[in-house]
Amino acid sequence: MAGLFLSLEGIDGSGKSTQGRLLHQALLARGHDTVLTREPGGSPGAEEIRRLVLEGDPDRWSAETEILLFTAARRDHLEKTIRPALARGAVVICDRFADSTRIFQGITRGDLTATVDRLHELMIGVEPDLTLLFDIDPGVGLSRAQARKGHEMRFEDMGLAFQTRARAGFLALADRFPRYRVIDGARPAETVAEEVLALVLPHLTP
């Protein structure tokens, strides 16, 4: 695949979605073919699954069922959006990818890491070229996320302990994978955006 595959990760309220939009705008302004997408979602079929997994009661699905739903959404997203964009040489900015499943389903509610990894290898088989982790105190992130008061609050409603475990999991992934860059997400959005752009530009063809 000729393009650059960039994923944005972090706990809820870390600011990654805002930074994805700002990076998208900055790269477009520099003339780069850039696609901003998200998970779950990013294709018509995956967006339908998004509503199933992000809305409703926190106990609506077991972690095992969620792994299957997220993997199905990711496969459709990969086929319909990510692979075609990379094949034409575009920069793909993805708000969450497989690492979120490794954390939110793989470790926060039990040890399902092996299940997540097996399904990923079988059905996805792709990792980002670069992953930006927006790190923030779980209490601050949860307060930010809850202030949005949207319909997609299922994971936020799982509480502070859940977000704390998720943060620890993401930081462990950052130690495991060289593709990670950890960014302090608690600073002003403009400051964070400058660091993000500085990290991404060296990976792009002028």
N, C-alpha and C. Protein backbone atom coordinates (compact mmCIF):
# COMPACT_ATOMS: atom_id res chain seq x y z
N MET A 1 0.85 -1.19 0.00
CA MET A 1 0.00 0.00 0.00
C MET A 1 0.88 1.25 0.00
N ALA A 2 0.61 2.15 -0.92
CA ALA A 2 1.52 3.25 -1.18
C ALA A 2 1.36 4.44 -0.24
N GLY A 3 0.20 4.60 0.38
CA GLY A 3 -0.05 5.77 1.20
C GLY A 3 0.50 5.63 2.60
N LEU A 4 0.09 6.55 3.47
CA LEU A 4 0.48 6.53 4.88
C LEU A 4 -0.76 6.27 5.72
N PHE A 5 -0.67 5.26 6.57
CA PHE A 5 -1.79 4.89 7.44
C PHE A 5 -1.47 5.35 8.85
N LEU A 6 -2.23 6.32 9.33
CA LEU A 6 -2.01 6.95 10.63
C LEU A 6 -3.21 6.70 11.52
N SER A 7 -2.99 6.17 12.73
CA SER A 7 -4.09 5.99 13.68
C SER A 7 -3.91 6.91 14.87
N LEU A 8 -5.05 7.35 15.42
CA LEU A 8 -5.07 8.20 16.61
C LEU A 8 -5.74 7.42 17.73
N GLU A 9 -5.07 7.30 18.86
CA GLU A 9 -5.60 6.51 19.97
C GLU A 9 -5.58 7.32 21.26
N GLY A 10 -6.32 6.84 22.24
CA GLY A 10 -6.39 7.49 23.54
C GLY A 10 -7.69 7.17 24.23
N ILE A 11 -7.75 7.45 25.52
CA ILE A 11 -8.98 7.23 26.25
C ILE A 11 -10.02 8.26 25.82
N ASP A 12 -11.25 8.07 26.25
CA ASP A 12 -12.32 9.01 25.92
C ASP A 12 -11.99 10.38 26.51
N GLY A 13 -12.18 11.43 25.71
CA GLY A 13 -11.91 12.78 26.15
C GLY A 13 -10.46 13.22 26.03
N SER A 14 -9.66 12.43 25.32
CA SER A 14 -8.23 12.76 25.21
C SER A 14 -7.95 13.83 24.16
N GLY A 15 -8.93 14.15 23.32
CA GLY A 15 -8.76 15.18 22.31
C GLY A 15 -8.35 14.66 20.95
N LYS A 16 -8.30 13.34 20.77
CA LYS A 16 -7.81 12.79 19.52
C LYS A 16 -8.70 13.13 18.33
N SER A 17 -10.02 13.19 18.52
CA SER A 17 -10.90 13.51 17.40
C SER A 17 -10.69 14.95 16.92
N THR A 18 -10.53 15.86 17.86
CA THR A 18 -10.23 17.25 17.51
C THR A 18 -8.91 17.33 16.76
N GLN A 19 -7.90 16.60 17.24
CA GLN A 19 -6.59 16.63 16.59
C GLN A 19 -6.64 15.98 15.21
N GLY A 20 -7.49 14.98 15.05
CA GLY A 20 -7.65 14.38 13.73
C GLY A 20 -8.18 15.38 12.73
N ARG A 21 -9.18 16.16 13.14
CA ARG A 21 -9.74 17.18 12.24
C ARG A 21 -8.71 18.25 11.91
N LEU A 22 -7.96 18.69 12.92
CA LEU A 22 -6.95 19.73 12.68
C LEU A 22 -5.84 19.24 11.76
N LEU A 23 -5.42 18.00 11.96
CA LEU A 23 -4.37 17.44 11.10
C LEU A 23 -4.88 17.28 9.67
N HIS A 24 -6.09 16.82 9.54
CA HIS A 24 -6.71 16.67 8.21
C HIS A 24 -6.69 18.00 7.46
N GLN A 25 -7.11 19.05 8.13
CA GLN A 25 -7.14 20.38 7.51
C GLN A 25 -5.73 20.85 7.14
N ALA A 26 -4.77 20.61 8.03
CA ALA A 26 -3.40 21.05 7.79
C ALA A 26 -2.78 20.33 6.59
N LEU A 27 -3.05 19.04 6.47
CA LEU A 27 -2.46 18.28 5.36
C LEU A 27 -3.13 18.63 4.03
N LEU A 28 -4.44 18.83 4.06
CA LEU A 28 -5.12 19.27 2.84
C LEU A 28 -4.57 20.61 2.37
N ALA A 29 -4.32 21.51 3.31
CA ALA A 29 -3.80 22.83 2.96
C ALA A 29 -2.41 22.74 2.34
N ARG A 30 -1.69 21.66 2.65
CA ARG A 30 -0.36 21.45 2.08
C ARG A 30 -0.41 20.62 0.80
N GLY A 31 -1.61 20.31 0.34
CA GLY A 31 -1.76 19.63 -0.94
C GLY A 31 -1.73 18.12 -0.89
N HIS A 32 -1.83 17.53 0.29
CA HIS A 32 -1.81 16.08 0.41
C HIS A 32 -3.23 15.50 0.26
N ASP A 33 -3.35 14.45 -0.51
CA ASP A 33 -4.60 13.69 -0.58
C ASP A 33 -4.78 13.01 0.77
N THR A 34 -5.78 13.43 1.52
CA THR A 34 -5.93 12.99 2.90
C THR A 34 -7.36 12.57 3.18
N VAL A 35 -7.52 11.43 3.85
CA VAL A 35 -8.83 10.90 4.22
C VAL A 35 -8.92 10.84 5.74
N LEU A 36 -9.93 11.48 6.31
CA LEU A 36 -10.19 11.40 7.75
C LEU A 36 -11.34 10.44 7.97
N THR A 37 -11.09 9.40 8.76
CA THR A 37 -12.11 8.41 9.00
C THR A 37 -12.10 8.01 10.48
N ARG A 38 -12.97 7.08 10.86
CA ARG A 38 -13.09 6.76 12.28
C ARG A 38 -13.51 5.32 12.48
N GLU A 39 -13.27 4.83 13.70
CA GLU A 39 -13.76 3.51 14.09
C GLU A 39 -14.42 3.60 15.46
N PRO A 40 -15.45 2.78 15.68
CA PRO A 40 -16.13 2.02 14.63
C PRO A 40 -16.80 2.96 13.65
N GLY A 41 -16.83 2.57 12.39
CA GLY A 41 -17.43 3.40 11.36
C GLY A 41 -16.51 3.52 10.17
N GLY A 42 -16.70 4.58 9.38
CA GLY A 42 -15.83 4.84 8.25
C GLY A 42 -16.31 4.25 6.94
N SER A 43 -17.35 3.44 6.98
CA SER A 43 -18.00 2.91 5.78
C SER A 43 -19.47 2.74 6.14
N PRO A 44 -20.37 2.69 5.16
CA PRO A 44 -21.80 2.59 5.50
C PRO A 44 -22.14 1.42 6.42
N GLY A 45 -21.59 0.25 6.13
CA GLY A 45 -21.87 -0.91 6.97
C GLY A 45 -21.32 -0.76 8.37
N ALA A 46 -20.09 -0.25 8.46
CA ALA A 46 -19.47 -0.08 9.77
C ALA A 46 -20.17 0.99 10.60
N GLU A 47 -20.72 2.02 9.95
CA GLU A 47 -21.46 3.04 10.69
C GLU A 47 -22.73 2.46 11.32
N GLU A 48 -23.34 1.49 10.64
CA GLU A 48 -24.51 0.83 11.23
C GLU A 48 -24.12 0.06 12.49
N ILE A 49 -22.98 -0.62 12.44
CA ILE A 49 -22.50 -1.33 13.62
C ILE A 49 -22.13 -0.35 14.73
N ARG A 50 -21.62 0.83 14.37
CA ARG A 50 -21.25 1.83 15.37
C ARG A 50 -22.42 2.13 16.31
N ARG A 51 -23.58 2.29 15.74
CA ARG A 51 -24.75 2.60 16.58
C ARG A 51 -25.04 1.47 17.56
N LEU A 52 -24.79 0.25 17.15
CA LEU A 52 -25.05 -0.89 18.03
C LEU A 52 -24.11 -0.92 19.23
N VAL A 53 -22.84 -0.56 19.01
CA VAL A 53 -21.85 -0.75 20.06
C VAL A 53 -21.62 0.48 20.94
N LEU A 54 -21.97 1.67 20.45
CA LEU A 54 -21.68 2.88 21.22
C LEU A 54 -22.89 3.46 21.93
N GLU A 55 -24.08 2.99 21.62
CA GLU A 55 -25.28 3.50 22.27
C GLU A 55 -25.90 2.42 23.16
N GLY A 56 -26.65 2.88 24.14
CA GLY A 56 -27.38 1.95 24.99
C GLY A 56 -26.69 1.68 26.32
N ASP A 57 -27.20 0.71 27.03
CA ASP A 57 -26.74 0.36 28.36
C ASP A 57 -25.30 -0.17 28.32
N PRO A 58 -24.47 0.16 29.31
CA PRO A 58 -23.10 -0.36 29.34
C PRO A 58 -23.03 -1.89 29.28
N ASP A 59 -24.04 -2.57 29.83
CA ASP A 59 -24.06 -4.03 29.86
C ASP A 59 -24.76 -4.64 28.65
N ARG A 60 -25.00 -3.84 27.63
CA ARG A 60 -25.74 -4.32 26.46
C ARG A 60 -25.05 -5.51 25.80
N TRP A 61 -23.72 -5.46 25.68
CA TRP A 61 -22.97 -6.53 25.04
C TRP A 61 -21.87 -7.03 25.98
N SER A 62 -21.54 -8.29 25.87
CA SER A 62 -20.35 -8.79 26.55
C SER A 62 -19.12 -8.35 25.77
N ALA A 63 -17.97 -8.42 26.41
CA ALA A 63 -16.73 -8.06 25.72
C ALA A 63 -16.49 -8.98 24.53
N GLU A 64 -16.83 -10.26 24.67
CA GLU A 64 -16.63 -11.20 23.57
C GLU A 64 -17.49 -10.84 22.36
N THR A 65 -18.75 -10.47 22.59
CA THR A 65 -19.62 -10.06 21.49
C THR A 65 -19.11 -8.78 20.85
N GLU A 66 -18.65 -7.85 21.66
CA GLU A 66 -18.11 -6.60 21.12
C GLU A 66 -16.91 -6.86 20.21
N ILE A 67 -16.04 -7.79 20.57
CA ILE A 67 -14.89 -8.10 19.73
C ILE A 67 -15.35 -8.50 18.34
N LEU A 68 -16.39 -9.33 18.25
CA LEU A 68 -16.90 -9.77 16.96
C LEU A 68 -17.51 -8.60 16.19
N LEU A 69 -18.26 -7.75 16.87
CA LEU A 69 -18.88 -6.61 16.21
C LEU A 69 -17.84 -5.62 15.69
N PHE A 70 -16.86 -5.30 16.52
CA PHE A 70 -15.82 -4.36 16.11
C PHE A 70 -14.99 -4.93 14.97
N THR A 71 -14.70 -6.22 15.01
CA THR A 71 -13.92 -6.83 13.94
C THR A 71 -14.69 -6.81 12.63
N ALA A 72 -15.99 -7.08 12.68
CA ALA A 72 -16.82 -7.02 11.47
C ALA A 72 -16.83 -5.60 10.89
N ALA A 73 -16.99 -4.61 11.77
CA ALA A 73 -16.98 -3.22 11.31
C ALA A 73 -15.63 -2.86 10.71
N ARG A 74 -14.55 -3.31 11.35
CA ARG A 74 -13.20 -2.97 10.88
C ARG A 74 -12.92 -3.61 9.52
N ARG A 75 -13.38 -4.83 9.33
CA ARG A 75 -13.15 -5.49 8.04
C ARG A 75 -13.84 -4.72 6.91
N ASP A 76 -15.08 -4.30 7.14
CA ASP A 76 -15.79 -3.54 6.11
C ASP A 76 -15.11 -2.19 5.86
N HIS A 77 -14.70 -1.55 6.93
CA HIS A 77 -13.99 -0.27 6.84
C HIS A 77 -12.70 -0.42 6.03
N LEU A 78 -11.97 -1.49 6.31
CA LEU A 78 -10.72 -1.74 5.61
C LEU A 78 -10.96 -1.95 4.11
N GLU A 79 -11.98 -2.75 3.80
CA GLU A 79 -12.26 -3.06 2.39
C GLU A 79 -12.78 -1.85 1.62
N LYS A 80 -13.67 -1.08 2.24
CA LYS A 80 -14.39 -0.03 1.51
C LYS A 80 -13.69 1.33 1.54
N THR A 81 -12.91 1.60 2.57
CA THR A 81 -12.35 2.94 2.75
C THR A 81 -10.83 2.97 2.83
N ILE A 82 -10.26 2.21 3.76
CA ILE A 82 -8.83 2.35 4.05
C ILE A 82 -7.96 1.84 2.90
N ARG A 83 -8.18 0.61 2.46
CA ARG A 83 -7.33 0.05 1.41
C ARG A 83 -7.41 0.85 0.10
N PRO A 84 -8.61 1.23 -0.36
CA PRO A 84 -8.66 2.03 -1.59
C PRO A 84 -7.92 3.35 -1.48
N ALA A 85 -8.02 4.02 -0.32
CA ALA A 85 -7.33 5.30 -0.15
C ALA A 85 -5.81 5.11 -0.14
N LEU A 86 -5.33 4.10 0.57
CA LEU A 86 -3.89 3.85 0.61
C LEU A 86 -3.36 3.44 -0.76
N ALA A 87 -4.16 2.69 -1.50
CA ALA A 87 -3.73 2.22 -2.81
C ALA A 87 -3.48 3.37 -3.78
N ARG A 88 -4.20 4.47 -3.61
CA ARG A 88 -3.98 5.62 -4.50
C ARG A 88 -2.95 6.60 -3.92
N GLY A 89 -2.37 6.24 -2.78
CA GLY A 89 -1.30 7.05 -2.22
C GLY A 89 -1.74 8.08 -1.21
N ALA A 90 -2.96 7.98 -0.70
CA ALA A 90 -3.48 8.98 0.23
C ALA A 90 -2.94 8.77 1.64
N VAL A 91 -3.04 9.83 2.43
CA VAL A 91 -2.82 9.74 3.87
C VAL A 91 -4.16 9.40 4.51
N VAL A 92 -4.22 8.32 5.27
CA VAL A 92 -5.44 7.94 5.97
C VAL A 92 -5.24 8.23 7.45
N ILE A 93 -6.08 9.13 7.98
CA ILE A 93 -6.08 9.46 9.41
C ILE A 93 -7.27 8.75 10.03
N CYS A 94 -7.02 7.77 10.87
CA CYS A 94 -8.10 6.96 11.43
C CYS A 94 -8.23 7.21 12.93
N ASP A 95 -9.37 7.74 13.33
CA ASP A 95 -9.69 7.98 14.74
C ASP A 95 -10.07 6.64 15.36
N ARG A 96 -9.10 5.98 15.97
CA ARG A 96 -9.14 4.63 16.53
C ARG A 96 -8.96 3.58 15.44
N PHE A 97 -8.26 2.50 15.82
CA PHE A 97 -8.16 1.33 14.96
C PHE A 97 -8.04 0.11 15.88
N ALA A 98 -7.31 -0.90 15.47
CA ALA A 98 -7.32 -2.17 16.20
C ALA A 98 -6.82 -2.05 17.64
N ASP A 99 -5.94 -1.09 17.91
CA ASP A 99 -5.43 -0.96 19.28
C ASP A 99 -6.55 -0.64 20.26
N SER A 100 -7.57 0.06 19.82
CA SER A 100 -8.70 0.33 20.72
C SER A 100 -9.41 -0.95 21.11
N THR A 101 -9.53 -1.89 20.17
CA THR A 101 -10.12 -3.18 20.51
C THR A 101 -9.21 -3.96 21.44
N ARG A 102 -7.91 -3.88 21.20
CA ARG A 102 -6.96 -4.54 22.10
C ARG A 102 -7.13 -4.05 23.54
N ILE A 103 -7.48 -2.77 23.69
CA ILE A 103 -7.62 -2.19 25.04
C ILE A 103 -9.04 -2.34 25.57
N PHE A 104 -10.02 -1.79 24.87
CA PHE A 104 -11.38 -1.70 25.41
C PHE A 104 -12.07 -3.05 25.54
N GLN A 105 -11.74 -3.99 24.66
CA GLN A 105 -12.31 -5.32 24.78
C GLN A 105 -11.29 -6.35 25.27
N GLY A 106 -10.01 -6.13 24.93
CA GLY A 106 -9.00 -7.14 25.23
C GLY A 106 -8.56 -7.21 26.67
N ILE A 107 -8.49 -6.05 27.37
CA ILE A 107 -7.93 -6.08 28.72
C ILE A 107 -8.78 -5.41 29.80
N THR A 108 -9.69 -4.52 29.44
CA THR A 108 -10.35 -3.74 30.49
C THR A 108 -11.42 -4.53 31.23
N ARG A 109 -11.96 -5.58 30.61
CA ARG A 109 -13.01 -6.37 31.27
C ARG A 109 -12.65 -7.85 31.31
N GLY A 110 -11.38 -8.14 31.45
CA GLY A 110 -10.92 -9.51 31.46
C GLY A 110 -9.74 -9.67 30.53
N ASP A 111 -9.17 -10.86 30.49
CA ASP A 111 -8.01 -11.10 29.65
C ASP A 111 -8.44 -11.78 28.36
N LEU A 112 -8.77 -10.96 27.36
CA LEU A 112 -9.19 -11.47 26.06
C LEU A 112 -8.20 -11.09 24.96
N THR A 113 -6.98 -10.79 25.37
CA THR A 113 -5.97 -10.34 24.42
C THR A 113 -5.73 -11.36 23.32
N ALA A 114 -5.62 -12.62 23.69
CA ALA A 114 -5.34 -13.65 22.69
C ALA A 114 -6.47 -13.75 21.67
N THR A 115 -7.71 -13.60 22.13
CA THR A 115 -8.85 -13.65 21.21
C THR A 115 -8.81 -12.49 20.24
N VAL A 116 -8.55 -11.30 20.76
CA VAL A 116 -8.46 -10.11 19.90
C VAL A 116 -7.35 -10.29 18.87
N ASP A 117 -6.19 -10.75 19.30
CA ASP A 117 -5.06 -10.90 18.40
C ASP A 117 -5.31 -11.95 17.32
N ARG A 118 -5.96 -13.04 17.68
CA ARG A 118 -6.25 -14.09 16.69
C ARG A 118 -7.22 -13.58 15.63
N LEU A 119 -8.26 -12.90 16.07
CA LEU A 119 -9.23 -12.37 15.10
C LEU A 119 -8.60 -11.30 14.22
N HIS A 120 -7.76 -10.48 14.81
CA HIS A 120 -7.09 -9.43 14.03
C HIS A 120 -6.20 -10.06 12.95
N GLU A 121 -5.44 -11.07 13.32
CA GLU A 121 -4.55 -11.71 12.36
C GLU A 121 -5.35 -12.39 11.25
N LEU A 122 -6.47 -12.99 11.60
CA LEU A 122 -7.27 -13.72 10.63
C LEU A 122 -8.03 -12.81 9.69
N MET A 123 -8.64 -11.72 10.21
CA MET A 123 -9.58 -10.92 9.44
C MET A 123 -9.07 -9.54 9.02
N ILE A 124 -8.04 -9.03 9.70
CA ILE A 124 -7.58 -7.66 9.41
C ILE A 124 -6.16 -7.69 8.86
N GLY A 125 -5.21 -8.09 9.66
CA GLY A 125 -3.84 -8.26 9.19
C GLY A 125 -3.11 -6.99 8.79
N VAL A 126 -3.58 -5.85 9.24
CA VAL A 126 -2.96 -4.56 8.90
C VAL A 126 -2.73 -3.76 10.18
N GLU A 127 -1.57 -3.13 10.28
CA GLU A 127 -1.29 -2.21 11.39
C GLU A 127 -0.97 -0.84 10.80
N PRO A 128 -1.24 0.22 11.54
CA PRO A 128 -0.88 1.56 11.06
C PRO A 128 0.63 1.72 10.90
N ASP A 129 1.01 2.65 10.04
CA ASP A 129 2.43 3.01 9.92
C ASP A 129 2.88 3.83 11.12
N LEU A 130 1.98 4.64 11.64
CA LEU A 130 2.29 5.54 12.76
C LEU A 130 1.05 5.67 13.62
N THR A 131 1.23 5.58 14.94
CA THR A 131 0.12 5.73 15.87
C THR A 131 0.44 6.85 16.86
N LEU A 132 -0.45 7.82 16.95
CA LEU A 132 -0.31 8.92 17.91
C LEU A 132 -1.23 8.65 19.09
N LEU A 133 -0.64 8.54 20.27
CA LEU A 133 -1.42 8.30 21.49
C LEU A 133 -1.53 9.61 22.26
N PHE A 134 -2.76 10.08 22.43
CA PHE A 134 -3.02 11.31 23.17
C PHE A 134 -3.27 10.92 24.62
N ASP A 135 -2.31 11.20 25.46
CA ASP A 135 -2.35 10.77 26.85
C ASP A 135 -2.89 11.88 27.73
N ILE A 136 -3.77 11.51 28.65
CA ILE A 136 -4.39 12.49 29.54
C ILE A 136 -4.82 11.79 30.82
N ASP A 137 -4.88 12.53 31.90
CA ASP A 137 -5.37 11.98 33.16
C ASP A 137 -6.79 11.45 32.96
N PRO A 138 -7.08 10.22 33.42
CA PRO A 138 -8.41 9.64 33.18
C PRO A 138 -9.56 10.47 33.73
N GLY A 139 -9.36 11.11 34.89
CA GLY A 139 -10.41 11.94 35.45
C GLY A 139 -10.72 13.15 34.59
N VAL A 140 -9.68 13.77 34.05
CA VAL A 140 -9.86 14.92 33.17
C VAL A 140 -10.53 14.48 31.87
N GLY A 141 -10.05 13.39 31.30
CA GLY A 141 -10.62 12.90 30.06
C GLY A 141 -12.08 12.54 30.20
N LEU A 142 -12.43 11.86 31.30
CA LEU A 142 -13.82 11.47 31.50
C LEU A 142 -14.72 12.69 31.68
N SER A 143 -14.23 13.70 32.40
CA SER A 143 -15.01 14.93 32.56
C SER A 143 -15.26 15.60 31.22
N ARG A 144 -14.24 15.65 30.37
CA ARG A 144 -14.39 16.21 29.03
C ARG A 144 -15.43 15.42 28.24
N ALA A 145 -15.30 14.10 28.27
CA ALA A 145 -16.20 13.26 27.48
C ALA A 145 -17.64 13.38 27.95
N GLN A 146 -17.84 13.40 29.26
CA GLN A 146 -19.20 13.49 29.79
C GLN A 146 -19.83 14.85 29.51
N ALA A 147 -19.00 15.88 29.37
CA ALA A 147 -19.53 17.22 29.08
C ALA A 147 -20.14 17.29 27.69
N ARG A 148 -19.78 16.36 26.80
CA ARG A 148 -20.34 16.35 25.45
C ARG A 148 -21.82 15.98 25.45
N LYS A 149 -22.21 15.10 26.37
CA LYS A 149 -23.61 14.71 26.55
C LYS A 149 -24.26 14.26 25.24
N GLY A 150 -23.56 13.42 24.49
CA GLY A 150 -24.13 12.90 23.25
C GLY A 150 -24.84 11.58 23.47
N HIS A 151 -25.20 10.93 22.36
CA HIS A 151 -25.88 9.64 22.44
C HIS A 151 -24.89 8.49 22.58
N GLU A 152 -23.64 8.70 22.13
CA GLU A 152 -22.66 7.63 22.12
C GLU A 152 -21.83 7.66 23.40
N MET A 153 -22.46 7.30 24.50
CA MET A 153 -21.82 7.43 25.81
C MET A 153 -21.66 6.09 26.52
N ARG A 154 -21.79 4.99 25.80
CA ARG A 154 -21.80 3.69 26.46
C ARG A 154 -20.49 3.40 27.20
N PHE A 155 -19.36 3.70 26.57
CA PHE A 155 -18.08 3.42 27.22
C PHE A 155 -17.76 4.45 28.30
N GLU A 156 -18.14 5.69 28.08
CA GLU A 156 -17.96 6.70 29.13
C GLU A 156 -18.73 6.32 30.39
N ASP A 157 -19.91 5.71 30.19
CA ASP A 157 -20.74 5.32 31.33
C ASP A 157 -20.16 4.15 32.12
N MET A 158 -19.10 3.55 31.63
CA MET A 158 -18.46 2.46 32.38
C MET A 158 -17.60 2.99 33.52
N GLY A 159 -17.36 4.32 33.55
CA GLY A 159 -16.77 4.93 34.73
C GLY A 159 -15.26 5.14 34.71
N LEU A 160 -14.79 5.75 35.80
CA LEU A 160 -13.39 6.17 35.91
C LEU A 160 -12.44 4.99 35.98
N ALA A 161 -12.80 3.94 36.70
CA ALA A 161 -11.90 2.78 36.81
C ALA A 161 -11.65 2.16 35.44
N PHE A 162 -12.68 2.12 34.61
CA PHE A 162 -12.54 1.59 33.25
C PHE A 162 -11.57 2.44 32.45
N GLN A 163 -11.73 3.77 32.51
CA GLN A 163 -10.84 4.68 31.77
C GLN A 163 -9.41 4.59 32.28
N THR A 164 -9.24 4.39 33.58
CA THR A 164 -7.90 4.27 34.17
C THR A 164 -7.20 3.02 33.65
N ARG A 165 -7.92 1.90 33.60
CA ARG A 165 -7.33 0.68 33.05
C ARG A 165 -7.00 0.85 31.57
N ALA A 166 -7.88 1.55 30.86
CA ALA A 166 -7.64 1.77 29.43
C ALA A 166 -6.37 2.59 29.21
N ARG A 167 -6.20 3.64 30.01
CA ARG A 167 -4.99 4.47 29.85
C ARG A 167 -3.73 3.65 30.08
N ALA A 168 -3.73 2.84 31.14
CA ALA A 168 -2.56 2.00 31.41
C ALA A 168 -2.30 1.04 30.25
N GLY A 169 -3.37 0.53 29.67
CA GLY A 169 -3.22 -0.39 28.54
C GLY A 169 -2.62 0.29 27.32
N PHE A 170 -3.08 1.49 27.03
CA PHE A 170 -2.53 2.22 25.89
C PHE A 170 -1.05 2.53 26.09
N LEU A 171 -0.69 2.94 27.29
CA LEU A 171 0.72 3.24 27.54
C LEU A 171 1.58 1.98 27.42
N ALA A 172 1.03 0.83 27.80
CA ALA A 172 1.76 -0.42 27.62
C ALA A 172 1.96 -0.75 26.15
N LEU A 173 0.93 -0.47 25.32
CA LEU A 173 1.07 -0.67 23.88
C LEU A 173 2.14 0.25 23.30
N ALA A 174 2.20 1.48 23.82
CA ALA A 174 3.21 2.43 23.35
C ALA A 174 4.62 1.92 23.63
N ASP A 175 4.79 1.21 24.73
CA ASP A 175 6.09 0.62 25.04
C ASP A 175 6.37 -0.59 24.15
N ARG A 176 5.32 -1.23 23.69
CA ARG A 176 5.46 -2.47 22.91
C ARG A 176 5.71 -2.22 21.43
N PHE A 177 5.06 -1.21 20.86
CA PHE A 177 5.11 -0.98 19.42
C PHE A 177 5.93 0.27 19.08
N PRO A 178 6.99 0.13 18.27
CA PRO A 178 7.80 1.30 17.89
C PRO A 178 7.03 2.34 17.08
N ARG A 179 5.90 1.96 16.49
CA ARG A 179 5.13 2.92 15.68
C ARG A 179 4.43 3.98 16.52
N TYR A 180 4.46 3.85 17.85
CA TYR A 180 3.75 4.78 18.74
C TYR A 180 4.56 6.03 19.01
N ARG A 181 3.83 7.16 19.13
CA ARG A 181 4.36 8.40 19.66
C ARG A 181 3.35 8.88 20.71
N VAL A 182 3.81 9.17 21.91
CA VAL A 182 2.94 9.59 23.01
C VAL A 182 2.95 11.11 23.10
N ILE A 183 1.75 11.70 23.13
CA ILE A 183 1.58 13.15 23.12
C ILE A 183 0.78 13.57 24.35
N ASP A 184 1.20 14.61 25.01
CA ASP A 184 0.47 15.15 26.16
C ASP A 184 -0.79 15.83 25.65
N GLY A 185 -1.94 15.21 25.89
CA GLY A 185 -3.21 15.73 25.40
C GLY A 185 -3.86 16.76 26.29
N ALA A 186 -3.25 17.08 27.42
CA ALA A 186 -3.86 18.02 28.36
C ALA A 186 -3.58 19.48 28.00
N ARG A 187 -2.69 19.72 27.06
CA ARG A 187 -2.31 21.09 26.69
C ARG A 187 -3.34 21.71 25.75
N PRO A 188 -3.26 23.01 25.49
CA PRO A 188 -4.19 23.64 24.54
C PRO A 188 -4.16 22.94 23.19
N ALA A 189 -5.31 22.89 22.53
CA ALA A 189 -5.44 22.16 21.27
C ALA A 189 -4.45 22.65 20.22
N GLU A 190 -4.22 23.96 20.17
CA GLU A 190 -3.31 24.51 19.16
C GLU A 190 -1.87 24.03 19.39
N THR A 191 -1.47 23.94 20.65
CA THR A 191 -0.12 23.46 20.98
C THR A 191 0.04 22.00 20.60
N VAL A 192 -0.98 21.20 20.93
CA VAL A 192 -0.95 19.78 20.58
C VAL A 192 -0.89 19.61 19.06
N ALA A 193 -1.68 20.40 18.35
CA ALA A 193 -1.74 20.30 16.89
C ALA A 193 -0.38 20.58 16.25
N GLU A 194 0.37 21.52 16.79
CA GLU A 194 1.69 21.82 16.26
C GLU A 194 2.62 20.62 16.42
N GLU A 195 2.55 19.95 17.57
CA GLU A 195 3.39 18.77 17.78
C GLU A 195 2.97 17.64 16.85
N VAL A 196 1.67 17.46 16.68
CA VAL A 196 1.17 16.40 15.80
C VAL A 196 1.69 16.59 14.38
N LEU A 197 1.56 17.79 13.87
CA LEU A 197 2.01 18.07 12.51
C LEU A 197 3.52 17.84 12.37
N ALA A 198 4.27 18.24 13.37
CA ALA A 198 5.72 18.05 13.34
C ALA A 198 6.09 16.57 13.34
N LEU A 199 5.30 15.74 13.99
CA LEU A 199 5.56 14.31 14.01
C LEU A 199 5.20 13.63 12.70
N VAL A 200 4.16 14.14 12.05
CA VAL A 200 3.64 13.48 10.85
C VAL A 200 4.39 13.87 9.58
N LEU A 201 4.74 15.12 9.44
CA LEU A 201 5.32 15.63 8.19
C LEU A 201 6.56 14.84 7.72
N PRO A 202 7.46 14.42 8.63
CA PRO A 202 8.64 13.67 8.15
C PRO A 202 8.28 12.35 7.48
N HIS A 203 7.09 11.84 7.71
CA HIS A 203 6.67 10.56 7.11
C HIS A 203 6.04 10.74 5.73
N LEU A 204 5.89 11.97 5.28
CA LEU A 204 5.21 12.24 4.02
C LEU A 204 6.18 12.62 2.92
N THR A 205 5.81 12.28 1.70
CA THR A 205 6.57 12.70 0.54
C THR A 205 6.25 14.17 0.26
N PRO A 206 7.25 15.02 0.11
CA PRO A 206 6.97 16.46 -0.12
C PRO A 206 6.11 16.69 -1.34
